[in-house]
C-alpha atoms as a PDB file:
ATOM      1  CA  MET A   1      -2.579 -12.909 -25.644  1.00  0.00           C
ATOM      2  CA  PRO A   2      -3.094 -16.192 -23.766  1.00  0.00           C
ATOM      3  CA  ARG A   3      -0.271 -18.736 -23.707  1.00  0.00           C
ATOM      4  CA  ALA A   4      -2.695 -21.424 -24.851  1.00  0.00           C
ATOM      5  CA  LYS A   5      -4.956 -20.856 -27.856  1.00  0.00           C
ATOM      6  CA  SER A   6      -7.548 -23.079 -26.204  1.00  0.00           C
ATOM      7  CA  ARG A   7      -7.997 -24.733 -22.839  1.00  0.00           C
ATOM      8  CA  ARG A   8      -9.835 -27.829 -21.717  1.00  0.00           C
ATOM      9  CA  VAL A   9     -12.931 -26.893 -19.735  1.00  0.00           C
ATOM     10  CA  ALA A  10     -12.498 -29.836 -17.335  1.00  0.00           C
ATOM     11  CA  LYS A  11      -8.975 -28.666 -16.455  1.00  0.00           C
ATOM     12  CA  MET A  12     -10.163 -25.090 -15.845  1.00  0.00           C
ATOM     13  CA  LYS A  13     -12.973 -26.333 -13.599  1.00  0.00           C
ATOM     14  CA  SER A  14     -10.560 -28.435 -11.556  1.00  0.00           C
ATOM     15  CA  MET A  15      -8.264 -25.404 -11.112  1.00  0.00           C
ATOM     16  CA  LEU A  16     -11.191 -23.310  -9.860  1.00  0.00           C
ATOM     17  CA  LEU A  17     -12.276 -26.004  -7.406  1.00  0.00           C
ATOM     18  CA  ALA A  18      -8.718 -26.424  -6.125  1.00  0.00           C
ATOM     19  CA  LYS A  19      -8.375 -22.691  -5.476  1.00  0.00           C
ATOM     20  CA  GLY A  20     -11.405 -21.811  -3.397  1.00  0.00           C
ATOM     21  CA  PHE A  21     -14.315 -21.872  -5.851  1.00  0.00           C
ATOM     22  CA  GLN A  22     -17.380 -24.050  -5.346  1.00  0.00           C
ATOM     23  CA  GLN A  23     -19.619 -25.361  -8.113  1.00  0.00           C
ATOM     24  CA  CYS A  24     -23.312 -24.507  -8.241  1.00  0.00           C
ATOM     25  CA  ASN A  25     -25.237 -25.887 -11.228  1.00  0.00           C
ATOM     26  CA  ASN A  26     -28.321 -24.467 -12.885  1.00  0.00           C
ATOM     27  CA  GLU A  27     -28.812 -23.787 -16.597  1.00  0.00           C
ATOM     28  CA  HIS A  28     -25.054 -23.136 -16.678  1.00  0.00           C
ATOM     29  CA  GLU A  29     -22.295 -24.457 -14.490  1.00  0.00           C
ATOM     30  CA  ARG A  30     -21.566 -21.646 -12.052  1.00  0.00           C
ATOM     31  CA  PHE A  31     -18.421 -21.387  -9.935  1.00  0.00           C
ATOM     32  CA  LEU A  32     -18.430 -19.064  -6.922  1.00  0.00           C
ATOM     33  CA  LEU A  33     -15.390 -17.998  -4.924  1.00  0.00           C
ATOM     34  CA  TYR A  34     -15.812 -18.531  -1.193  1.00  0.00           C
ATOM     35  CA  HIS A  35     -13.853 -16.753   1.544  1.00  0.00           C
ATOM     36  CA  ASN A  36     -14.310 -17.593   5.236  1.00  0.00           C
ATOM     37  CA  LYS A  37     -17.157 -19.961   4.277  1.00  0.00           C
ATOM     38  CA  LYS A  38     -19.086 -17.098   2.636  1.00  0.00           C
ATOM     39  CA  LYS A  39     -19.880 -16.418  -1.014  1.00  0.00           C
ATOM     40  CA  THR A  40     -18.072 -13.523  -2.629  1.00  0.00           C
ATOM     41  CA  ALA A  41     -19.011 -11.500  -5.701  1.00  0.00           C
ATOM     42  CA  VAL A  42     -16.361 -13.341  -7.749  1.00  0.00           C
ATOM     43  CA  ARG A  43     -17.934 -15.940 -10.029  1.00  0.00           C
ATOM     44  CA  THR A  44     -17.666 -17.423 -13.488  1.00  0.00           C
ATOM     45  CA  TYR A  45     -19.859 -19.609 -15.688  1.00  0.00           C
ATOM     46  CA  PHE A  46     -19.393 -22.483 -18.123  1.00  0.00           C
ATOM     47  CA  SER A  47     -21.902 -23.736 -20.669  1.00  0.00           C
ATOM     48  CA  HIS A  48     -22.849 -27.397 -20.592  1.00  0.00           C
ATOM     49  CA  GLY A  49     -21.360 -29.526 -23.345  1.00  0.00           C
ATOM     50  CA  GLN A  50     -18.276 -27.450 -24.164  1.00  0.00           C
ATOM     51  CA  ARG A  51     -15.047 -29.439 -23.999  1.00  0.00           C
ATOM     52  CA  ASN A  52     -12.646 -26.681 -24.989  1.00  0.00           C
ATOM     53  CA  TYR A  53     -12.778 -22.906 -24.768  1.00  0.00           C
ATOM     54  CA  GLU A  54     -11.140 -20.812 -27.442  1.00  0.00           C
ATOM     55  CA  LYS A  55      -9.792 -17.289 -26.946  1.00  0.00           C
ATOM     56  CA  GLN A  56     -13.175 -15.516 -27.019  1.00  0.00           C
ATOM     57  CA  LEU A  57     -14.700 -17.688 -24.280  1.00  0.00           C
ATOM     58  CA  LEU A  58     -11.438 -17.653 -22.321  1.00  0.00           C
ATOM     59  CA  ALA A  59     -11.658 -13.850 -22.361  1.00  0.00           C
ATOM     60  CA  PHE A  60     -15.123 -14.032 -20.741  1.00  0.00           C
ATOM     61  CA  VAL A  61     -13.821 -16.307 -17.970  1.00  0.00           C
ATOM     62  CA  LYS A  62     -10.793 -14.042 -17.444  1.00  0.00           C
ATOM     63  CA  ARG A  63     -13.020 -10.976 -17.127  1.00  0.00           C
ATOM     64  CA  GLU A  64     -15.464 -12.701 -14.759  1.00  0.00           C
ATOM     65  CA  MET A  65     -12.523 -13.732 -12.554  1.00  0.00           C
ATOM     66  CA  HIS A  66     -11.371 -10.083 -12.416  1.00  0.00           C
ATOM     67  CA  LEU A  67      -7.981 -10.897 -13.912  1.00  0.00           C
ATOM     68  CA  PRO A  68      -6.957  -7.884 -16.017  1.00  0.00           C
ATOM     69  CA  ASP A  69      -4.281  -9.495 -18.152  1.00  0.00           C
ATOM     70  CA  TRP A  70      -3.558 -12.805 -19.791  1.00  0.00           C
ATOM     71  CA  ASP A  71      -0.442 -13.423 -17.698  1.00  0.00           C
ATOM     72  CA  ASP A  72      -2.508 -13.477 -14.485  1.00  0.00           C
ATOM     73  CA  PHE A  73      -5.119 -15.748 -16.069  1.00  0.00           C
ATOM     74  CA  ASP A  74      -2.467 -18.130 -17.392  1.00  0.00           C
ATOM     75  CA  ASP A  75      -0.666 -18.124 -14.026  1.00  0.00           C
ATOM     76  CA  PHE A  76      -3.939 -19.087 -12.300  1.00  0.00           C
ATOM     77  CA  MET A  77      -4.784 -21.855 -14.759  1.00  0.00           C
ATOM     78  CA  ASP A  78      -1.213 -23.185 -15.023  1.00  0.00           C
ATOM     79  CA  CYS A  79      -0.752 -23.410 -11.208  1.00  0.00           C
ATOM     80  CA  ASP A  80       1.801 -20.580 -11.012  1.00  0.00           C
ATOM     81  CA  MET A  81      -0.692 -18.612  -8.858  1.00  0.00           C
ATOM     82  CA  THR A  82      -1.967 -20.320  -5.726  1.00  0.00           C
ATOM     83  CA  GLY A  83      -5.500 -20.009  -4.433  1.00  0.00           C
ATOM     84  CA  ARG A  84      -4.159 -17.903  -1.550  1.00  0.00           C
ATOM     85  CA  GLN A  85      -2.365 -15.539  -3.954  1.00  0.00           C
ATOM     86  CA  TYR A  86      -5.533 -15.203  -6.039  1.00  0.00           C
ATOM     87  CA  LEU A  87      -7.640 -14.445  -2.958  1.00  0.00           C
ATOM     88  CA  GLU A  88      -5.110 -11.854  -1.770  1.00  0.00           C
ATOM     89  CA  LYS A  89      -5.245 -10.234  -5.213  1.00  0.00           C
ATOM     90  CA  MET A  90      -9.061 -10.143  -5.118  1.00  0.00           C
ATOM     91  CA  ILE A  91      -8.957  -8.529  -1.644  1.00  0.00           C
ATOM     92  CA  ARG A  92      -6.263  -6.037  -2.699  1.00  0.00           C
ATOM     93  CA  ASP A  93      -8.239  -5.096  -5.845  1.00  0.00           C
ATOM     94  CA  GLY A  94     -11.465  -4.660  -3.856  1.00  0.00           C
ATOM     95  CA  HIS A  95     -13.432  -7.589  -5.293  1.00  0.00           C
ATOM     96  CA  VAL A  96     -13.556  -9.490  -1.988  1.00  0.00           C
ATOM     97  CA  ILE A  97     -14.129  -8.025   1.475  1.00  0.00           C
ATOM     98  CA  PRO A  98     -11.531  -9.384   3.954  1.00  0.00           C
END
């Protein structure tokens, strides 16, 4: 269960940008994780116009970020996990090629 019942979308986007993701807009706002100046397969999406995400939409973001449990997701969004730690986890779990 997430620590927060809802999260501000703007805050989540700023966390992604601060930790190695880059924004690419089309019909949705897409955030791609970059490693060594190259795109990886790790990405997540946000719909335009949403200010807050409730548990169901947070679960989609968590899954797209390849974070298996709520503690990891909350640590990422609450600054307890650095961008480097997240990248190392993605490499260790096989989602990003080193």
